[in-house]
Amino acid sequence: MSHMALCVRFTLRDGAGDAFDELVREAVEGVLAHEPGTLAYACSEVEGAPNQRLFFELYADSAAFEDHRRQPHVRHFLTQSEQYAEKTEIDHLRPYAGKYPSTAG
């Protein structure tokens, strides 16, 4: 299996949640429209931690991840999110077992 995944935790500044969430919605629209190699791109609120958002991202392979990083909507999100996040933690994952979306169309 050549999937690639990330887990990203954003800790937001007080009061920045709504603006950050709107920025996320814009990025997700771009992912859905332009990234067939992005198999999962999900952002969640963290229960009990209102200033945190957790992303799970799953890519078909490293080429799909590189394609994701080059997208204008992703570059816009990363640039703009800096004003809302006080901390960003990224874990690069190596999936080896589990149930994953099919890459076959």
PDB file of N, CA and C in Angstrom:
ATOM      1  N   MET A   1       0.843  -1.181   0.000  1.00  0.00           N
ATOM      2  CA  MET A   1       0.000   0.000   0.000  1.00  0.00           C
ATOM      3  C   MET A   1       0.886   1.240   0.000  1.00  0.00           C
ATOM      4  N   SER A   2       0.560   2.167  -0.870  1.00  0.00           N
ATOM      5  CA  SER A   2       1.390   3.365  -0.962  1.00  0.00           C
ATOM      6  C   SER A   2       0.664   4.617  -0.471  1.00  0.00           C
ATOM      7  N   HIS A   3      -0.451   4.439   0.243  1.00  0.00           N
ATOM      8  CA  HIS A   3      -1.163   5.604   0.760  1.00  0.00           C
ATOM      9  C   HIS A   3      -0.240   6.451   1.631  1.00  0.00           C
ATOM     10  N   MET A   4      -0.564   7.721   1.681  1.00  0.00           N
ATOM     11  CA  MET A   4       0.139   8.662   2.541  1.00  0.00           C
ATOM     12  C   MET A   4      -0.922   9.421   3.322  1.00  0.00           C
ATOM     13  N   ALA A   5      -0.660   9.714   4.586  1.00  0.00           N
ATOM     14  CA  ALA A   5      -1.659  10.398   5.404  1.00  0.00           C
ATOM     15  C   ALA A   5      -1.014  11.411   6.337  1.00  0.00           C
ATOM     16  N   LEU A   6      -1.837  12.375   6.745  1.00  0.00           N
ATOM     17  CA  LEU A   6      -1.429  13.383   7.715  1.00  0.00           C
ATOM     18  C   LEU A   6      -2.512  13.516   8.777  1.00  0.00           C
ATOM     19  N   CYS A   7      -2.090  13.849   9.965  1.00  0.00           N
ATOM     20  CA  CYS A   7      -2.992  14.287  11.019  1.00  0.00           C
ATOM     21  C   CYS A   7      -2.474  15.667  11.429  1.00  0.00           C
ATOM     22  N   VAL A   8      -3.326  16.678  11.317  1.00  0.00           N
ATOM     23  CA  VAL A   8      -2.901  18.051  11.594  1.00  0.00           C
ATOM     24  C   VAL A   8      -3.831  18.638  12.651  1.00  0.00           C
ATOM     25  N   ARG A   9      -3.241  19.172  13.711  1.00  0.00           N
ATOM     26  CA  ARG A   9      -4.026  19.811  14.767  1.00  0.00           C
ATOM     27  C   ARG A   9      -3.698  21.302  14.778  1.00  0.00           C
ATOM     28  N   PHE A  10      -4.750  22.106  14.615  1.00  0.00           N
ATOM     29  CA  PHE A  10      -4.638  23.557  14.717  1.00  0.00           C
ATOM     30  C   PHE A  10      -5.188  23.983  16.069  1.00  0.00           C
ATOM     31  N   THR A  11      -4.435  24.776  16.796  1.00  0.00           N
ATOM     32  CA  THR A  11      -4.936  25.429  17.997  1.00  0.00           C
ATOM     33  C   THR A  11      -5.178  26.882  17.609  1.00  0.00           C
ATOM     34  N   LEU A  12      -6.435  27.294  17.666  1.00  0.00           N
ATOM     35  CA  LEU A  12      -6.839  28.607  17.172  1.00  0.00           C
ATOM     36  C   LEU A  12      -6.770  29.668  18.261  1.00  0.00           C
ATOM     37  N   ARG A  13      -6.601  30.894  17.808  1.00  0.00           N
ATOM     38  CA  ARG A  13      -6.671  32.032  18.727  1.00  0.00           C
ATOM     39  C   ARG A  13      -8.130  32.180  19.190  1.00  0.00           C
ATOM     40  N   ASP A  14      -8.321  32.715  20.382  1.00  0.00           N
ATOM     41  CA  ASP A  14      -9.681  32.938  20.891  1.00  0.00           C
ATOM     42  C   ASP A  14     -10.479  33.774  19.895  1.00  0.00           C
ATOM     43  N   GLY A  15     -11.680  33.333  19.590  1.00  0.00           N
ATOM     44  CA  GLY A  15     -12.568  34.065  18.695  1.00  0.00           C
ATOM     45  C   GLY A  15     -12.334  33.830  17.218  1.00  0.00           C
ATOM     46  N   ALA A  16     -11.367  33.006  16.852  1.00  0.00           N
ATOM     47  CA  ALA A  16     -11.019  32.815  15.434  1.00  0.00           C
ATOM     48  C   ALA A  16     -11.740  31.634  14.787  1.00  0.00           C
ATOM     49  N   GLY A  17     -12.528  30.887  15.555  1.00  0.00           N
ATOM     50  CA  GLY A  17     -13.132  29.662  15.038  1.00  0.00           C
ATOM     51  C   GLY A  17     -13.987  29.844  13.807  1.00  0.00           C
ATOM     52  N   ASP A  18     -14.897  30.807  13.810  1.00  0.00           N
ATOM     53  CA  ASP A  18     -15.807  30.977  12.673  1.00  0.00           C
ATOM     54  C   ASP A  18     -15.050  31.338  11.395  1.00  0.00           C
ATOM     55  N   ALA A  19     -14.102  32.247  11.494  1.00  0.00           N
ATOM     56  CA  ALA A  19     -13.337  32.649  10.303  1.00  0.00           C
ATOM     57  C   ALA A  19     -12.483  31.492   9.799  1.00  0.00           C
ATOM     58  N   PHE A  20     -11.867  30.745  10.705  1.00  0.00           N
ATOM     59  CA  PHE A  20     -11.064  29.593  10.310  1.00  0.00           C
ATOM     60  C   PHE A  20     -11.950  28.547   9.636  1.00  0.00           C
ATOM     61  N   ASP A  21     -13.112  28.270  10.220  1.00  0.00           N
ATOM     62  CA  ASP A  21     -14.009  27.263   9.658  1.00  0.00           C
ATOM     63  C   ASP A  21     -14.473  27.645   8.260  1.00  0.00           C
ATOM     64  N   GLU A  22     -14.696  28.918   8.020  1.00  0.00           N
ATOM     65  CA  GLU A  22     -15.080  29.359   6.667  1.00  0.00           C
ATOM     66  C   GLU A  22     -13.928  29.141   5.696  1.00  0.00           C
ATOM     67  N   LEU A  23     -12.729  29.417   6.123  1.00  0.00           N
ATOM     68  CA  LEU A  23     -11.540  29.174   5.302  1.00  0.00           C
ATOM     69  C   LEU A  23     -11.415  27.686   4.978  1.00  0.00           C
ATOM     70  N   VAL A  24     -11.701  26.838   5.955  1.00  0.00           N
ATOM     71  CA  VAL A  24     -11.673  25.384   5.736  1.00  0.00           C
ATOM     72  C   VAL A  24     -12.702  24.995   4.680  1.00  0.00           C
ATOM     73  N   ARG A  25     -13.918  25.523   4.787  1.00  0.00           N
ATOM     74  CA  ARG A  25     -14.969  25.186   3.804  1.00  0.00           C
ATOM     75  C   ARG A  25     -14.537  25.554   2.386  1.00  0.00           C
ATOM     76  N   GLU A  26     -13.901  26.687   2.229  1.00  0.00           N
ATOM     77  CA  GLU A  26     -13.399  27.098   0.917  1.00  0.00           C
ATOM     78  C   GLU A  26     -12.343  26.115   0.411  1.00  0.00           C
ATOM     79  N   ALA A  27     -11.436  25.708   1.273  1.00  0.00           N
ATOM     80  CA  ALA A  27     -10.385  24.768   0.880  1.00  0.00           C
ATOM     81  C   ALA A  27     -10.987  23.423   0.493  1.00  0.00           C
ATOM     82  N   VAL A  28     -11.977  22.965   1.254  1.00  0.00           N
ATOM     83  CA  VAL A  28     -12.608  21.678   0.964  1.00  0.00           C
ATOM     84  C   VAL A  28     -13.277  21.701  -0.409  1.00  0.00           C
ATOM     85  N   GLU A  29     -13.907  22.812  -0.770  1.00  0.00           N
ATOM     86  CA  GLU A  29     -14.505  22.927  -2.103  1.00  0.00           C
ATOM     87  C   GLU A  29     -13.452  22.696  -3.186  1.00  0.00           C
ATOM     88  N   GLY A  30     -12.283  23.289  -3.016  1.00  0.00           N
ATOM     89  CA  GLY A  30     -11.200  23.109  -3.976  1.00  0.00           C
ATOM     90  C   GLY A  30     -10.694  21.679  -4.011  1.00  0.00           C
ATOM     91  N   VAL A  31     -10.566  21.065  -2.841  1.00  0.00           N
ATOM     92  CA  VAL A  31     -10.113  19.669  -2.768  1.00  0.00           C
ATOM     93  C   VAL A  31     -11.094  18.772  -3.510  1.00  0.00           C
ATOM     94  N   LEU A  32     -12.387  18.952  -3.245  1.00  0.00           N
ATOM     95  CA  LEU A  32     -13.410  18.125  -3.896  1.00  0.00           C
ATOM     96  C   LEU A  32     -13.407  18.305  -5.416  1.00  0.00           C
ATOM     97  N   ALA A  33     -13.199  19.519  -5.864  1.00  0.00           N
ATOM     98  CA  ALA A  33     -13.283  19.811  -7.294  1.00  0.00           C
ATOM     99  C   ALA A  33     -12.028  19.457  -8.082  1.00  0.00           C
ATOM    100  N   HIS A  34     -10.854  19.488  -7.444  1.00  0.00           N
ATOM    101  CA  HIS A  34      -9.614  19.420  -8.214  1.00  0.00           C
ATOM    102  C   HIS A  34      -8.605  18.358  -7.786  1.00  0.00           C
ATOM    103  N   GLU A  35      -8.937  17.521  -6.799  1.00  0.00           N
ATOM    104  CA  GLU A  35      -7.927  16.605  -6.270  1.00  0.00           C
ATOM    105  C   GLU A  35      -8.418  15.155  -6.213  1.00  0.00           C
ATOM    106  N   PRO A  36      -8.418  14.468  -7.344  1.00  0.00           N
ATOM    107  CA  PRO A  36      -8.865  13.070  -7.320  1.00  0.00           C
ATOM    108  C   PRO A  36      -7.970  12.160  -6.484  1.00  0.00           C
ATOM    109  N   GLY A  37      -6.719  12.525  -6.291  1.00  0.00           N
ATOM    110  CA  GLY A  37      -5.800  11.711  -5.505  1.00  0.00           C
ATOM    111  C   GLY A  37      -5.899  11.933  -4.008  1.00  0.00           C
ATOM    112  N   THR A  38      -6.707  12.923  -3.598  1.00  0.00           N
ATOM    113  CA  THR A  38      -6.962  13.137  -2.180  1.00  0.00           C
ATOM    114  C   THR A  38      -8.172  12.294  -1.828  1.00  0.00           C
ATOM    115  N   LEU A  39      -7.945  11.216  -1.097  1.00  0.00           N
ATOM    116  CA  LEU A  39      -8.994  10.247  -0.808  1.00  0.00           C
ATOM    117  C   LEU A  39      -9.851  10.643   0.390  1.00  0.00           C
ATOM    118  N   ALA A  40      -9.262  11.353   1.336  1.00  0.00           N
ATOM    119  CA  ALA A  40     -10.001  11.857   2.496  1.00  0.00           C
ATOM    120  C   ALA A  40      -9.368  13.172   2.915  1.00  0.00           C
ATOM    121  N   TYR A  41     -10.219  14.136   3.223  1.00  0.00           N
ATOM    122  CA  TYR A  41      -9.762  15.440   3.695  1.00  0.00           C
ATOM    123  C   TYR A  41     -10.840  15.931   4.649  1.00  0.00           C
ATOM    124  N   ALA A  42     -10.694  15.599   5.904  1.00  0.00           N
ATOM    125  CA  ALA A  42     -11.753  15.844   6.874  1.00  0.00           C
ATOM    126  C   ALA A  42     -11.247  16.698   8.022  1.00  0.00           C
ATOM    127  N   CYS A  43     -12.025  17.711   8.357  1.00  0.00           N
ATOM    128  CA  CYS A  43     -11.705  18.573   9.482  1.00  0.00           C
ATOM    129  C   CYS A  43     -12.798  18.412  10.531  1.00  0.00           C
ATOM    130  N   SER A  44     -12.390  18.306  11.777  1.00  0.00           N
ATOM    131  CA  SER A  44     -13.337  18.121  12.874  1.00  0.00           C
ATOM    132  C   SER A  44     -13.024  19.091  14.002  1.00  0.00           C
ATOM    133  N   GLU A  45     -14.078  19.477  14.720  1.00  0.00           N
ATOM    134  CA  GLU A  45     -13.891  20.146  15.989  1.00  0.00           C
ATOM    135  C   GLU A  45     -13.470  19.078  16.989  1.00  0.00           C
ATOM    136  N   VAL A  46     -12.759  19.487  18.006  1.00  0.00           N
ATOM    137  CA  VAL A  46     -12.312  18.549  19.038  1.00  0.00           C
ATOM    138  C   VAL A  46     -13.223  18.732  20.253  1.00  0.00           C
ATOM    139  N   GLU A  47     -13.910  17.672  20.608  1.00  0.00           N
ATOM    140  CA  GLU A  47     -14.843  17.730  21.729  1.00  0.00           C
ATOM    141  C   GLU A  47     -14.120  18.167  22.993  1.00  0.00           C
ATOM    142  N   GLY A  48     -14.662  19.178  23.651  1.00  0.00           N
ATOM    143  CA  GLY A  48     -14.071  19.673  24.891  1.00  0.00           C
ATOM    144  C   GLY A  48     -12.932  20.659  24.684  1.00  0.00           C
ATOM    145  N   ALA A  49     -12.574  20.925  23.421  1.00  0.00           N
ATOM    146  CA  ALA A  49     -11.480  21.863  23.121  1.00  0.00           C
ATOM    147  C   ALA A  49     -11.945  22.773  21.975  1.00  0.00           C
ATOM    148  N   PRO A  50     -12.749  23.789  22.276  1.00  0.00           N
ATOM    149  CA  PRO A  50     -13.379  24.602  21.225  1.00  0.00           C
ATOM    150  C   PRO A  50     -12.415  25.365  20.324  1.00  0.00           C
ATOM    151  N   ASN A  51     -11.170  25.543  20.751  1.00  0.00           N
ATOM    152  CA  ASN A  51     -10.196  26.256  19.918  1.00  0.00           C
ATOM    153  C   ASN A  51      -9.317  25.310  19.118  1.00  0.00           C
ATOM    154  N   GLN A  52      -9.678  24.038  19.052  1.00  0.00           N
ATOM    155  CA  GLN A  52      -8.865  23.103  18.279  1.00  0.00           C
ATOM    156  C   GLN A  52      -9.654  22.523  17.115  1.00  0.00           C
ATOM    157  N   ARG A  53      -8.934  22.297  16.028  1.00  0.00           N
ATOM    158  CA  ARG A  53      -9.474  21.628  14.849  1.00  0.00           C
ATOM    159  C   ARG A  53      -8.481  20.545  14.471  1.00  0.00           C
ATOM    160  N   LEU A  54      -9.004  19.394  14.119  1.00  0.00           N
ATOM    161  CA  LEU A  54      -8.171  18.254  13.766  1.00  0.00           C
ATOM    162  C   LEU A  54      -8.492  17.825  12.335  1.00  0.00           C
ATOM    163  N   PHE A  55      -7.463  17.768  11.510  1.00  0.00           N
ATOM    164  CA  PHE A  55      -7.607  17.324  10.125  1.00  0.00           C
ATOM    165  C   PHE A  55      -7.075  15.899  10.006  1.00  0.00           C
ATOM    166  N   PHE A  56      -7.774  15.088   9.232  1.00  0.00           N
ATOM    167  CA  PHE A  56      -7.237  13.811   8.782  1.00  0.00           C
ATOM    168  C   PHE A  56      -7.216  13.884   7.269  1.00  0.00           C
ATOM    169  N   GLU A  57      -6.043  13.660   6.697  1.00  0.00           N
ATOM    170  CA  GLU A  57      -5.867  13.737   5.246  1.00  0.00           C
ATOM    171  C   GLU A  57      -5.275  12.423   4.762  1.00  0.00           C
ATOM    172  N   LEU A  58      -5.872  11.862   3.720  1.00  0.00           N
ATOM    173  CA  LEU A  58      -5.396  10.611   3.149  1.00  0.00           C
ATOM    174  C   LEU A  58      -5.219  10.802   1.652  1.00  0.00           C
ATOM    175  N   TYR A  59      -4.038  10.468   1.166  1.00  0.00           N
ATOM    176  CA  TYR A  59      -3.685  10.634  -0.241  1.00  0.00           C
ATOM    177  C   TYR A  59      -3.389   9.278  -0.862  1.00  0.00           C
ATOM    178  N   ALA A  60      -3.691   9.140  -2.138  1.00  0.00           N
ATOM    179  CA  ALA A  60      -3.464   7.879  -2.847  1.00  0.00           C
ATOM    180  C   ALA A  60      -1.995   7.476  -2.784  1.00  0.00           C
ATOM    181  N   ASP A  61      -1.102   8.482  -2.850  1.00  0.00           N
ATOM    182  CA  ASP A  61       0.336   8.235  -2.818  1.00  0.00           C
ATOM    183  C   ASP A  61       1.048   9.568  -2.628  1.00  0.00           C
ATOM    184  N   SER A  62       2.358   9.547  -2.610  1.00  0.00           N
ATOM    185  CA  SER A  62       3.111  10.786  -2.374  1.00  0.00           C
ATOM    186  C   SER A  62       2.939  11.783  -3.515  1.00  0.00           C
ATOM    187  N   ALA A  63       2.733  11.309  -4.738  1.00  0.00           N
ATOM    188  CA  ALA A  63       2.494  12.224  -5.863  1.00  0.00           C
ATOM    189  C   ALA A  63       1.188  12.991  -5.661  1.00  0.00           C
ATOM    190  N   ALA A  64       0.168  12.321  -5.160  1.00  0.00           N
ATOM    191  CA  ALA A  64      -1.115  12.986  -4.892  1.00  0.00           C
ATOM    192  C   ALA A  64      -0.947  14.039  -3.796  1.00  0.00           C
ATOM    193  N   PHE A  65      -0.133  13.736  -2.798  1.00  0.00           N
ATOM    194  CA  PHE A  65       0.131  14.711  -1.736  1.00  0.00           C
ATOM    195  C   PHE A  65       0.857  15.926  -2.295  1.00  0.00           C
ATOM    196  N   GLU A  66       1.849  15.706  -3.143  1.00  0.00           N
ATOM    197  CA  GLU A  66       2.569  16.829  -3.755  1.00  0.00           C
ATOM    198  C   GLU A  66       1.640  17.665  -4.621  1.00  0.00           C
ATOM    199  N   ASP A  67       0.730  17.001  -5.344  1.00  0.00           N
ATOM    200  CA  ASP A  67      -0.261  17.721  -6.145  1.00  0.00           C
ATOM    201  C   ASP A  67      -1.145  18.582  -5.242  1.00  0.00           C
ATOM    202  N   HIS A  68      -1.561  18.030  -4.126  1.00  0.00           N
ATOM    203  CA  HIS A  68      -2.371  18.767  -3.148  1.00  0.00           C
ATOM    204  C   HIS A  68      -1.637  20.028  -2.683  1.00  0.00           C
ATOM    205  N   ARG A  69      -0.380  19.882  -2.339  1.00  0.00           N
ATOM    206  CA  ARG A  69       0.400  21.012  -1.825  1.00  0.00           C
ATOM    207  C   ARG A  69       0.549  22.142  -2.833  1.00  0.00           C
ATOM    208  N   ARG A  70       0.500  21.812  -4.125  1.00  0.00           N
ATOM    209  CA  ARG A  70       0.679  22.829  -5.176  1.00  0.00           C
ATOM    210  C   ARG A  70      -0.610  23.576  -5.518  1.00  0.00           C
ATOM    211  N   GLN A  71      -1.741  23.093  -5.070  1.00  0.00           N
ATOM    212  CA  GLN A  71      -3.030  23.681  -5.445  1.00  0.00           C
ATOM    213  C   GLN A  71      -3.185  25.104  -4.902  1.00  0.00           C
ATOM    214  N   PRO A  72      -3.734  26.017  -5.716  1.00  0.00           N
ATOM    215  CA  PRO A  72      -3.939  27.399  -5.247  1.00  0.00           C
ATOM    216  C   PRO A  72      -4.827  27.485  -4.003  1.00  0.00           C
ATOM    217  N   HIS A  73      -5.862  26.646  -3.914  1.00  0.00           N
ATOM    218  CA  HIS A  73      -6.744  26.714  -2.744  1.00  0.00           C
ATOM    219  C   HIS A  73      -6.026  26.261  -1.480  1.00  0.00           C
ATOM    220  N   VAL A  74      -5.087  25.348  -1.601  1.00  0.00           N
ATOM    221  CA  VAL A  74      -4.319  24.894  -0.443  1.00  0.00           C
ATOM    222  C   VAL A  74      -3.319  25.972  -0.034  1.00  0.00           C
ATOM    223  N   ARG A  75      -2.656  26.555  -0.991  1.00  0.00           N
ATOM    224  CA  ARG A  75      -1.690  27.619  -0.691  1.00  0.00           C
ATOM    225  C   ARG A  75      -2.398  28.807  -0.031  1.00  0.00           C
ATOM    226  N   HIS A  76      -3.593  29.138  -0.522  1.00  0.00           N
ATOM    227  CA  HIS A  76      -4.384  30.218   0.068  1.00  0.00           C
ATOM    228  C   HIS A  76      -4.760  29.870   1.510  1.00  0.00           C
ATOM    229  N   PHE A  77      -5.232  28.646   1.725  1.00  0.00           N
ATOM    230  CA  PHE A  77      -5.601  28.220   3.073  1.00  0.00           C
ATOM    231  C   PHE A  77      -4.409  28.334   4.031  1.00  0.00           C
ATOM    232  N   LEU A  78      -3.272  27.814   3.627  1.00  0.00           N
ATOM    233  CA  LEU A  78      -2.101  27.827   4.510  1.00  0.00           C
ATOM    234  C   LEU A  78      -1.656  29.244   4.847  1.00  0.00           C
ATOM    235  N   THR A  79      -1.675  30.126   3.859  1.00  0.00           N
ATOM    236  CA  THR A  79      -1.283  31.518   4.084  1.00  0.00           C
ATOM    237  C   THR A  79      -2.262  32.220   5.017  1.00  0.00           C
ATOM    238  N   GLN A  80      -3.558  32.071   4.732  1.00  0.00           N
ATOM    239  CA  GLN A  80      -4.573  32.774   5.517  1.00  0.00           C
ATOM    240  C   GLN A  80      -4.759  32.188   6.914  1.00  0.00           C
ATOM    241  N   SER A  81      -4.573  30.891   7.061  1.00  0.00           N
ATOM    242  CA  SER A  81      -4.811  30.255   8.363  1.00  0.00           C
ATOM    243  C   SER A  81      -3.819  30.723   9.420  1.00  0.00           C
ATOM    244  N   GLU A  82      -2.683  31.241   9.003  1.00  0.00           N
ATOM    245  CA  GLU A  82      -1.677  31.709   9.969  1.00  0.00           C
ATOM    246  C   GLU A  82      -2.224  32.789  10.894  1.00  0.00           C
ATOM    247  N   GLN A  83      -3.158  33.597  10.394  1.00  0.00           N
ATOM    248  CA  GLN A  83      -3.700  34.669  11.231  1.00  0.00           C
ATOM    249  C   GLN A  83      -4.674  34.143  12.291  1.00  0.00           C
ATOM    250  N   TYR A  84      -5.181  32.929  12.124  1.00  0.00           N
ATOM    251  CA  TYR A  84      -6.161  32.364  13.044  1.00  0.00           C
ATOM    252  C   TYR A  84      -5.571  31.333  14.004  1.00  0.00           C
ATOM    253  N   ALA A  85      -4.471  30.720  13.611  1.00  0.00           N
ATOM    254  CA  ALA A  85      -3.898  29.638  14.417  1.00  0.00           C
ATOM    255  C   ALA A  85      -2.699  30.130  15.216  1.00  0.00           C
ATOM    256  N   GLU A  86      -2.681  29.793  16.477  1.00  0.00           N
ATOM    257  CA  GLU A  86      -1.506  30.109  17.289  1.00  0.00           C
ATOM    258  C   GLU A  86      -0.532  28.942  17.325  1.00  0.00           C
ATOM    259  N   LYS A  87      -1.003  27.752  16.948  1.00  0.00           N
ATOM    260  CA  LYS A  87      -0.129  26.585  16.944  1.00  0.00           C
ATOM    261  C   LYS A  87      -0.644  25.580  15.917  1.00  0.00           C
ATOM    262  N   THR A  88       0.291  24.963  15.190  1.00  0.00           N
ATOM    263  CA  THR A  88      -0.045  23.927  14.221  1.00  0.00           C
ATOM    264  C   THR A  88       0.885  22.746  14.446  1.00  0.00           C
ATOM    265  N   GLU A  89       0.293  21.567  14.633  1.00  0.00           N
ATOM    266  CA  GLU A  89       1.075  20.342  14.840  1.00  0.00           C
ATOM    267  C   GLU A  89       0.741  19.370  13.711  1.00  0.00           C
ATOM    268  N   ILE A  90       1.765  18.827  13.070  1.00  0.00           N
ATOM    269  CA  ILE A  90       1.567  17.931  11.926  1.00  0.00           C
ATOM    270  C   ILE A  90       2.259  16.601  12.190  1.00  0.00           C
ATOM    271  N   ASP A  91       1.494  15.528  12.060  1.00  0.00           N
ATOM    272  CA  ASP A  91       2.052  14.185  12.115  1.00  0.00           C
ATOM    273  C   ASP A  91       1.925  13.569  10.735  1.00  0.00           C
ATOM    274  N   HIS A  92       3.035  13.135  10.158  1.00  0.00           N
ATOM    275  CA  HIS A  92       3.035  12.397   8.904  1.00  0.00           C
ATOM    276  C   HIS A  92       2.850  10.931   9.249  1.00  0.00           C
ATOM    277  N   LEU A  93       1.855  10.307   8.652  1.00  0.00           N
ATOM    278  CA  LEU A  93       1.491   8.934   8.987  1.00  0.00           C
ATOM    279  C   LEU A  93       1.847   7.990   7.857  1.00  0.00           C
ATOM    280  N   ARG A  94       2.090   6.730   8.212  1.00  0.00           N
ATOM    281  CA  ARG A  94       2.331   5.669   7.234  1.00  0.00           C
ATOM    282  C   ARG A  94       1.279   4.587   7.424  1.00  0.00           C
ATOM    283  N   PRO A  95       0.141   4.734   6.762  1.00  0.00           N
ATOM    284  CA  PRO A  95      -0.912   3.732   6.927  1.00  0.00           C
ATOM    285  C   PRO A  95      -0.416   2.350   6.502  1.00  0.00           C
ATOM    286  N   TYR A  96      -0.736   1.345   7.304  1.00  0.00           N
ATOM    287  CA  TYR A  96      -0.314  -0.011   6.956  1.00  0.00           C
ATOM    288  C   TYR A  96      -1.436  -1.028   7.105  1.00  0.00           C
ATOM    289  N   ALA A  97      -2.516  -0.672   7.762  1.00  0.00           N
ATOM    290  CA  ALA A  97      -3.642  -1.593   7.896  1.00  0.00           C
ATOM    291  C   ALA A  97      -4.909  -0.766   8.120  1.00  0.00           C
ATOM    292  N   GLY A  98      -6.009  -1.252   7.635  1.00  0.00           N
ATOM    293  CA  GLY A  98      -7.256  -0.558   7.856  1.00  0.00           C
ATOM    294  C   GLY A  98      -8.154  -0.614   6.638  1.00  0.00           C
ATOM    295  N   LYS A  99      -9.247   0.098   6.721  1.00  0.00           N
ATOM    296  CA  LYS A  99     -10.197   0.197   5.619  1.00  0.00           C
ATOM    297  C   LYS A  99     -10.071   1.589   5.024  1.00  0.00           C
ATOM    298  N   TYR A 100      -9.738   1.633   3.756  1.00  0.00           N
ATOM    299  CA  TYR A 100      -9.506   2.907   3.089  1.00  0.00           C
ATOM    300  C   TYR A 100     -10.369   3.012   1.842  1.00  0.00           C
ATOM    301  N   PRO A 101     -10.684   4.270   1.420  1.00  0.00           N
ATOM    302  CA  PRO A 101     -11.446   4.428   0.185  1.00  0.00           C
ATOM    303  C   PRO A 101     -10.700   3.814  -0.995  1.00  0.00           C
ATOM    304  N   SER A 102     -11.446   3.314  -1.928  1.00  0.00           N
ATOM    305  CA  SER A 102     -10.854   2.732  -3.132  1.00  0.00           C
ATOM    306  C   SER A 102     -10.348   3.836  -4.052  1.00  0.00           C
ATOM    307  N   THR A 103      -9.216   3.604  -4.683  1.00  0.00           N
ATOM    308  CA  THR A 103      -8.702   4.558  -5.664  1.00  0.00           C
ATOM    309  C   THR A 103      -9.240   4.247  -7.046  1.00  0.00           C
ATOM    310  N   ALA A 104      -9.928   3.128  -7.187  1.00  0.00           N
ATOM    311  CA  ALA A 104     -10.504   2.746  -8.485  1.00  0.00           C
ATOM    312  C   ALA A 104     -11.767   3.536  -8.719  1.00  0.00           C
ATOM    313  N   GLY A 105     -11.935   4.048  -9.930  1.00  0.00           N
ATOM    314  CA  GLY A 105     -13.106   4.844 -10.265  1.00  0.00           C
ATOM    315  C   GLY A 105     -14.186   3.969 -10.717  1.00  0.00           C
TER     316      GLY A 105
END
